[in-house]
Amino acid sequence: MKTYCIGIIGYGGFGKFLHHWFNKINFFKVFAIAETGNVLMDYQGLRVYYDWKDLINDTEIDTVSIGKFSLANA
């Protein structure tokens, strides 16, 4: 069975929540994250992008999940 590489845009609380649960599904693997914050730590094993457009242009990513949640965006 194919493993699908996921990119997560927005890696705050909800993005980390998505990462945790995606990794529990056998055919998903979180591959990259995009975050505009400048306090990102070294996320071992993940590609880190500071512009979401770079993440969606990564040809190794199969699907993208939006991890940003804000009532201001609703």
PDB file of N, CA and C in Angstrom:
ATOM      1  N   MET A   1       0.842  -1.185   0.000  1.00  0.00           N
ATOM      2  CA  MET A   1       0.000   0.000   0.000  1.00  0.00           C
ATOM      3  C   MET A   1       0.883   1.243   0.000  1.00  0.00           C
ATOM      4  N   LYS A   2       0.511   2.219  -0.791  1.00  0.00           N
ATOM      5  CA  LYS A   2       1.255   3.472  -0.897  1.00  0.00           C
ATOM      6  C   LYS A   2       1.151   4.272   0.397  1.00  0.00           C
ATOM      7  N   THR A   3       2.240   4.915   0.769  1.00  0.00           N
ATOM      8  CA  THR A   3       2.235   5.863   1.878  1.00  0.00           C
ATOM      9  C   THR A   3       2.147   7.265   1.292  1.00  0.00           C
ATOM     10  N   TYR A   4       1.166   8.034   1.734  1.00  0.00           N
ATOM     11  CA  TYR A   4       0.941   9.382   1.234  1.00  0.00           C
ATOM     12  C   TYR A   4       1.658  10.389   2.114  1.00  0.00           C
ATOM     13  N   CYS A   5       2.441  11.252   1.478  1.00  0.00           N
ATOM     14  CA  CYS A   5       3.178  12.292   2.194  1.00  0.00           C
ATOM     15  C   CYS A   5       2.301  13.529   2.331  1.00  0.00           C
ATOM     16  N   ILE A   6       2.169  13.988   3.558  1.00  0.00           N
ATOM     17  CA  ILE A   6       1.305  15.121   3.868  1.00  0.00           C
ATOM     18  C   ILE A   6       2.146  16.335   4.229  1.00  0.00           C
ATOM     19  N   GLY A   7       1.705  17.489   3.775  1.00  0.00           N
ATOM     20  CA  GLY A   7       2.255  18.764   4.206  1.00  0.00           C
ATOM     21  C   GLY A   7       1.211  19.480   5.031  1.00  0.00           C
ATOM     22  N   ILE A   8       1.623  20.065   6.139  1.00  0.00           N
ATOM     23  CA  ILE A   8       0.698  20.798   7.010  1.00  0.00           C
ATOM     24  C   ILE A   8       1.068  22.275   6.959  1.00  0.00           C
ATOM     25  N   ILE A   9       0.088  23.094   6.607  1.00  0.00           N
ATOM     26  CA  ILE A   9       0.266  24.545   6.613  1.00  0.00           C
ATOM     27  C   ILE A   9      -0.292  25.071   7.927  1.00  0.00           C
ATOM     28  N   GLY A  10       0.567  25.729   8.695  1.00  0.00           N
ATOM     29  CA  GLY A  10       0.189  26.223  10.018  1.00  0.00           C
ATOM     30  C   GLY A  10       0.511  25.173  11.055  1.00  0.00           C
ATOM     31  N   TYR A  11       1.494  25.431  11.894  1.00  0.00           N
ATOM     32  CA  TYR A  11       1.941  24.404  12.835  1.00  0.00           C
ATOM     33  C   TYR A  11       1.830  24.873  14.280  1.00  0.00           C
ATOM     34  N   GLY A  12       0.693  25.509  14.552  1.00  0.00           N
ATOM     35  CA  GLY A  12       0.376  25.857  15.933  1.00  0.00           C
ATOM     36  C   GLY A  12      -0.266  24.651  16.604  1.00  0.00           C
ATOM     37  N   GLY A  13      -1.124  24.899  17.549  1.00  0.00           N
ATOM     38  CA  GLY A  13      -1.772  23.819  18.294  1.00  0.00           C
ATOM     39  C   GLY A  13      -2.550  22.860  17.412  1.00  0.00           C
ATOM     40  N   PHE A  14      -3.345  23.391  16.473  1.00  0.00           N
ATOM     41  CA  PHE A  14      -4.150  22.517  15.627  1.00  0.00           C
ATOM     42  C   PHE A  14      -3.289  21.759  14.624  1.00  0.00           C
ATOM     43  N   GLY A  15      -2.247  22.403  14.097  1.00  0.00           N
ATOM     44  CA  GLY A  15      -1.328  21.720  13.184  1.00  0.00           C
ATOM     45  C   GLY A  15      -0.626  20.555  13.868  1.00  0.00           C
ATOM     46  N   LYS A  16      -0.209  20.748  15.116  1.00  0.00           N
ATOM     47  CA  LYS A  16       0.427  19.665  15.878  1.00  0.00           C
ATOM     48  C   LYS A  16      -0.574  18.548  16.172  1.00  0.00           C
ATOM     49  N   PHE A  17      -1.834  18.920  16.432  1.00  0.00           N
ATOM     50  CA  PHE A  17      -2.901  17.941  16.632  1.00  0.00           C
ATOM     51  C   PHE A  17      -3.064  17.081  15.376  1.00  0.00           C
ATOM     52  N   LEU A  18      -3.120  17.733  14.207  1.00  0.00           N
ATOM     53  CA  LEU A  18      -3.235  16.992  12.941  1.00  0.00           C
ATOM     54  C   LEU A  18      -2.040  16.075  12.731  1.00  0.00           C
ATOM     55  N   HIS A  19      -0.840  16.566  13.009  1.00  0.00           N
ATOM     56  CA  HIS A  19       0.376  15.775  12.854  1.00  0.00           C
ATOM     57  C   HIS A  19       0.291  14.501  13.691  1.00  0.00           C
ATOM     58  N   HIS A  20      -0.097  14.652  14.931  1.00  0.00           N
ATOM     59  CA  HIS A  20      -0.211  13.504  15.828  1.00  0.00           C
ATOM     60  C   HIS A  20      -1.149  12.435  15.259  1.00  0.00           C
ATOM     61  N   TRP A  21      -2.322  12.851  14.812  1.00  0.00           N
ATOM     62  CA  TRP A  21      -3.318  11.874  14.362  1.00  0.00           C
ATOM     63  C   TRP A  21      -3.031  11.348  12.953  1.00  0.00           C
ATOM     64  N   PHE A  22      -2.492  12.158  12.068  1.00  0.00           N
ATOM     65  CA  PHE A  22      -2.115  11.647  10.747  1.00  0.00           C
ATOM     66  C   PHE A  22      -1.081  10.537  10.875  1.00  0.00           C
ATOM     67  N   ASN A  23      -0.134  10.690  11.788  1.00  0.00           N
ATOM     68  CA  ASN A  23       0.908   9.674  11.947  1.00  0.00           C
ATOM     69  C   ASN A  23       0.391   8.368  12.538  1.00  0.00           C
ATOM     70  N   LYS A  24      -0.808   8.356  13.044  1.00  0.00           N
ATOM     71  CA  LYS A  24      -1.406   7.121  13.555  1.00  0.00           C
ATOM     72  C   LYS A  24      -2.080   6.306  12.449  1.00  0.00           C
ATOM     73  N   ILE A  25      -2.211   6.903  11.273  1.00  0.00           N
ATOM     74  CA  ILE A  25      -2.822   6.221  10.131  1.00  0.00           C
ATOM     75  C   ILE A  25      -1.687   5.617   9.304  1.00  0.00           C
ATOM     76  N   ASN A  26      -1.743   4.322   9.088  1.00  0.00           N
ATOM     77  CA  ASN A  26      -0.634   3.588   8.470  1.00  0.00           C
ATOM     78  C   ASN A  26      -0.187   4.117   7.116  1.00  0.00           C
ATOM     79  N   PHE A  27      -1.089   4.626   6.318  1.00  0.00           N
ATOM     80  CA  PHE A  27      -0.717   5.034   4.965  1.00  0.00           C
ATOM     81  C   PHE A  27      -0.496   6.538   4.832  1.00  0.00           C
ATOM     82  N   PHE A  28      -0.407   7.263   5.956  1.00  0.00           N
ATOM     83  CA  PHE A  28      -0.068   8.688   5.953  1.00  0.00           C
ATOM     84  C   PHE A  28       1.260   8.902   6.657  1.00  0.00           C
ATOM     85  N   LYS A  29       2.012   9.865   6.159  1.00  0.00           N
ATOM     86  CA  LYS A  29       3.249  10.277   6.820  1.00  0.00           C
ATOM     87  C   LYS A  29       3.356  11.794   6.695  1.00  0.00           C
ATOM     88  N   VAL A  30       3.466  12.480   7.825  1.00  0.00           N
ATOM     89  CA  VAL A  30       3.679  13.921   7.763  1.00  0.00           C
ATOM     90  C   VAL A  30       5.107  14.142   7.279  1.00  0.00           C
ATOM     91  N   PHE A  31       5.228  14.850   6.189  1.00  0.00           N
ATOM     92  CA  PHE A  31       6.487  15.001   5.471  1.00  0.00           C
ATOM     93  C   PHE A  31       7.070  16.399   5.613  1.00  0.00           C
ATOM     94  N   ALA A  32       6.185  17.421   5.676  1.00  0.00           N
ATOM     95  CA  ALA A  32       6.652  18.805   5.713  1.00  0.00           C
ATOM     96  C   ALA A  32       5.638  19.688   6.427  1.00  0.00           C
ATOM     97  N   ILE A  33       6.148  20.809   6.945  1.00  0.00           N
ATOM     98  CA  ILE A  33       5.267  21.805   7.563  1.00  0.00           C
ATOM     99  C   ILE A  33       5.644  23.180   7.023  1.00  0.00           C
ATOM    100  N   ALA A  34       4.662  24.076   7.020  1.00  0.00           N
ATOM    101  CA  ALA A  34       4.905  25.476   6.659  1.00  0.00           C
ATOM    102  C   ALA A  34       4.393  26.334   7.798  1.00  0.00           C
ATOM    103  N   GLU A  35       5.226  27.226   8.265  1.00  0.00           N
ATOM    104  CA  GLU A  35       4.867  28.087   9.383  1.00  0.00           C
ATOM    105  C   GLU A  35       5.567  29.420   9.190  1.00  0.00           C
ATOM    106  N   THR A  36       4.856  30.500   9.433  1.00  0.00           N
ATOM    107  CA  THR A  36       5.441  31.828   9.255  1.00  0.00           C
ATOM    108  C   THR A  36       6.162  32.313  10.499  1.00  0.00           C
ATOM    109  N   GLY A  37       5.935  31.683  11.632  1.00  0.00           N
ATOM    110  CA  GLY A  37       6.589  32.101  12.868  1.00  0.00           C
ATOM    111  C   GLY A  37       8.092  31.927  12.792  1.00  0.00           C
ATOM    112  N   ASN A  38       8.810  32.775  13.500  1.00  0.00           N
ATOM    113  CA  ASN A  38      10.259  32.685  13.461  1.00  0.00           C
ATOM    114  C   ASN A  38      10.817  31.950  14.672  1.00  0.00           C
ATOM    115  N   VAL A  39       9.980  31.251  15.412  1.00  0.00           N
ATOM    116  CA  VAL A  39      10.435  30.517  16.595  1.00  0.00           C
ATOM    117  C   VAL A  39      10.373  29.011  16.385  1.00  0.00           C
ATOM    118  N   LEU A  40      10.417  28.584  15.129  1.00  0.00           N
ATOM    119  CA  LEU A  40      10.384  27.150  14.849  1.00  0.00           C
ATOM    120  C   LEU A  40      11.644  26.471  15.357  1.00  0.00           C
ATOM    121  N   MET A  41      11.434  25.376  16.032  1.00  0.00           N
ATOM    122  CA  MET A  41      12.557  24.564  16.473  1.00  0.00           C
ATOM    123  C   MET A  41      12.945  23.638  15.315  1.00  0.00           C
ATOM    124  N   ASP A  42      13.966  22.853  15.525  1.00  0.00           N
ATOM    125  CA  ASP A  42      14.379  21.869  14.536  1.00  0.00           C
ATOM    126  C   ASP A  42      13.429  20.682  14.633  1.00  0.00           C
ATOM    127  N   TYR A  43      12.626  20.472  13.610  1.00  0.00           N
ATOM    128  CA  TYR A  43      11.690  19.355  13.593  1.00  0.00           C
ATOM    129  C   TYR A  43      12.339  18.219  12.828  1.00  0.00           C
ATOM    130  N   GLN A  44      12.941  17.323  13.568  1.00  0.00           N
ATOM    131  CA  GLN A  44      13.695  16.224  12.976  1.00  0.00           C
ATOM    132  C   GLN A  44      12.812  15.383  12.069  1.00  0.00           C
ATOM    133  N   GLY A  45      13.309  15.148  10.864  1.00  0.00           N
ATOM    134  CA  GLY A  45      12.591  14.303   9.920  1.00  0.00           C
ATOM    135  C   GLY A  45      11.540  15.026   9.100  1.00  0.00           C
ATOM    136  N   LEU A  46      11.365  16.322   9.312  1.00  0.00           N
ATOM    137  CA  LEU A  46      10.375  17.098   8.560  1.00  0.00           C
ATOM    138  C   LEU A  46      11.063  18.180   7.752  1.00  0.00           C
ATOM    139  N   ARG A  47      10.536  18.413   6.569  1.00  0.00           N
ATOM    140  CA  ARG A  47      10.954  19.604   5.831  1.00  0.00           C
ATOM    141  C   ARG A  47      10.193  20.778   6.433  1.00  0.00           C
ATOM    142  N   VAL A  48      10.865  21.883   6.589  1.00  0.00           N
ATOM    143  CA  VAL A  48      10.235  23.076   7.151  1.00  0.00           C
ATOM    144  C   VAL A  48      10.292  24.190   6.122  1.00  0.00           C
ATOM    145  N   TYR A  49       9.123  24.755   5.824  1.00  0.00           N
ATOM    146  CA  TYR A  49       9.022  25.877   4.897  1.00  0.00           C
ATOM    147  C   TYR A  49       8.487  27.085   5.655  1.00  0.00           C
ATOM    148  N   TYR A  50       8.979  28.254   5.285  1.00  0.00           N
ATOM    149  CA  TYR A  50       8.504  29.489   5.894  1.00  0.00           C
ATOM    150  C   TYR A  50       7.510  30.214   4.999  1.00  0.00           C
ATOM    151  N   ASP A  51       7.229  29.628   3.846  1.00  0.00           N
ATOM    152  CA  ASP A  51       6.226  30.160   2.922  1.00  0.00           C
ATOM    153  C   ASP A  51       5.384  28.979   2.437  1.00  0.00           C
ATOM    154  N   TRP A  52       4.096  29.052   2.653  1.00  0.00           N
ATOM    155  CA  TRP A  52       3.211  27.933   2.299  1.00  0.00           C
ATOM    156  C   TRP A  52       3.257  27.606   0.811  1.00  0.00           C
ATOM    157  N   LYS A  53       3.581  28.595  -0.020  1.00  0.00           N
ATOM    158  CA  LYS A  53       3.645  28.351  -1.463  1.00  0.00           C
ATOM    159  C   LYS A  53       4.774  27.390  -1.813  1.00  0.00           C
ATOM    160  N   ASP A  54       5.849  27.456  -1.067  1.00  0.00           N
ATOM    161  CA  ASP A  54       6.951  26.513  -1.293  1.00  0.00           C
ATOM    162  C   ASP A  54       6.521  25.092  -0.930  1.00  0.00           C
ATOM    163  N   LEU A  55       5.733  24.959   0.112  1.00  0.00           N
ATOM    164  CA  LEU A  55       5.250  23.635   0.522  1.00  0.00           C
ATOM    165  C   LEU A  55       4.352  23.034  -0.554  1.00  0.00           C
ATOM    166  N   ILE A  56       3.413  23.802  -1.067  1.00  0.00           N
ATOM    167  CA  ILE A  56       2.489  23.219  -2.050  1.00  0.00           C
ATOM    168  C   ILE A  56       3.165  22.944  -3.382  1.00  0.00           C
ATOM    169  N   ASN A  57       4.316  23.544  -3.628  1.00  0.00           N
ATOM    170  CA  ASN A  57       5.059  23.280  -4.853  1.00  0.00           C
ATOM    171  C   ASN A  57       6.048  22.132  -4.724  1.00  0.00           C
ATOM    172  N   ASP A  58       6.155  21.549  -3.550  1.00  0.00           N
ATOM    173  CA  ASP A  58       7.041  20.400  -3.331  1.00  0.00           C
ATOM    174  C   ASP A  58       6.412  19.178  -3.992  1.00  0.00           C
ATOM    175  N   THR A  59       7.054  18.633  -4.997  1.00  0.00           N
ATOM    176  CA  THR A  59       6.483  17.526  -5.765  1.00  0.00           C
ATOM    177  C   THR A  59       6.447  16.206  -4.996  1.00  0.00           C
ATOM    178  N   GLU A  60       7.120  16.126  -3.863  1.00  0.00           N
ATOM    179  CA  GLU A  60       7.085  14.898  -3.070  1.00  0.00           C
ATOM    180  C   GLU A  60       5.891  14.845  -2.122  1.00  0.00           C
ATOM    181  N   ILE A  61       5.145  15.939  -2.003  1.00  0.00           N
ATOM    182  CA  ILE A  61       3.966  15.986  -1.136  1.00  0.00           C
ATOM    183  C   ILE A  61       2.744  15.592  -1.950  1.00  0.00           C
ATOM    184  N   ASP A  62       1.991  14.636  -1.408  1.00  0.00           N
ATOM    185  CA  ASP A  62       0.790  14.139  -2.090  1.00  0.00           C
ATOM    186  C   ASP A  62      -0.458  14.935  -1.748  1.00  0.00           C
ATOM    187  N   THR A  63      -0.548  15.412  -0.517  1.00  0.00           N
ATOM    188  CA  THR A  63      -1.734  16.146  -0.088  1.00  0.00           C
ATOM    189  C   THR A  63      -1.341  17.167   0.965  1.00  0.00           C
ATOM    190  N   VAL A  64      -2.152  18.217   1.066  1.00  0.00           N
ATOM    191  CA  VAL A  64      -1.865  19.299   2.006  1.00  0.00           C
ATOM    192  C   VAL A  64      -3.052  19.461   2.942  1.00  0.00           C
ATOM    193  N   SER A  65      -2.745  19.664   4.209  1.00  0.00           N
ATOM    194  CA  SER A  65      -3.769  19.922   5.210  1.00  0.00           C
ATOM    195  C   SER A  65      -3.540  21.314   5.789  1.00  0.00           C
ATOM    196  N   ILE A  66      -4.620  22.052   5.975  1.00  0.00           N
ATOM    197  CA  ILE A  66      -4.524  23.384   6.561  1.00  0.00           C
ATOM    198  C   ILE A  66      -4.704  23.246   8.064  1.00  0.00           C
ATOM    199  N   GLY A  67      -3.642  23.551   8.800  1.00  0.00           N
ATOM    200  CA  GLY A  67      -3.681  23.415  10.253  1.00  0.00           C
ATOM    201  C   GLY A  67      -3.942  24.711  10.969  1.00  0.00           C
ATOM    202  N   LYS A  68      -4.198  25.753  10.228  1.00  0.00           N
ATOM    203  CA  LYS A  68      -4.453  27.059  10.853  1.00  0.00           C
ATOM    204  C   LYS A  68      -5.922  27.183  11.143  1.00  0.00           C
ATOM    205  N   PHE A  69      -6.226  27.481  12.398  1.00  0.00           N
ATOM    206  CA  PHE A  69      -7.623  27.693  12.779  1.00  0.00           C
ATOM    207  C   PHE A  69      -7.704  28.998  13.540  1.00  0.00           C
ATOM    208  N   SER A  70      -8.588  29.844  13.120  1.00  0.00           N
ATOM    209  CA  SER A  70      -8.803  31.109  13.806  1.00  0.00           C
ATOM    210  C   SER A  70     -10.229  31.561  13.542  1.00  0.00           C
ATOM    211  N   LEU A  71     -10.877  32.029  14.582  1.00  0.00           N
ATOM    212  CA  LEU A  71     -12.241  32.552  14.384  1.00  0.00           C
ATOM    213  C   LEU A  71     -12.206  33.783  13.484  1.00  0.00           C
ATOM    214  N   ALA A  72     -11.070  34.464  13.452  1.00  0.00           N
ATOM    215  CA  ALA A  72     -10.956  35.631  12.578  1.00  0.00           C
ATOM    216  C   ALA A  72     -10.995  35.234  11.110  1.00  0.00           C
ATOM    217  N   ASN A  73     -10.637  33.983  10.817  1.00  0.00           N
ATOM    218  CA  ASN A  73     -10.641  33.510   9.429  1.00  0.00           C
ATOM    219  C   ASN A  73     -11.963  32.892   9.023  1.00  0.00           C
ATOM    220  N   ALA A  74     -12.869  32.743   9.950  1.00  0.00           N
ATOM    221  CA  ALA A  74     -14.155  32.085   9.660  1.00  0.00           C
ATOM    222  C   ALA A  74     -15.069  32.976   8.865  1.00  0.00           C
TER     223      ALA A  74
END
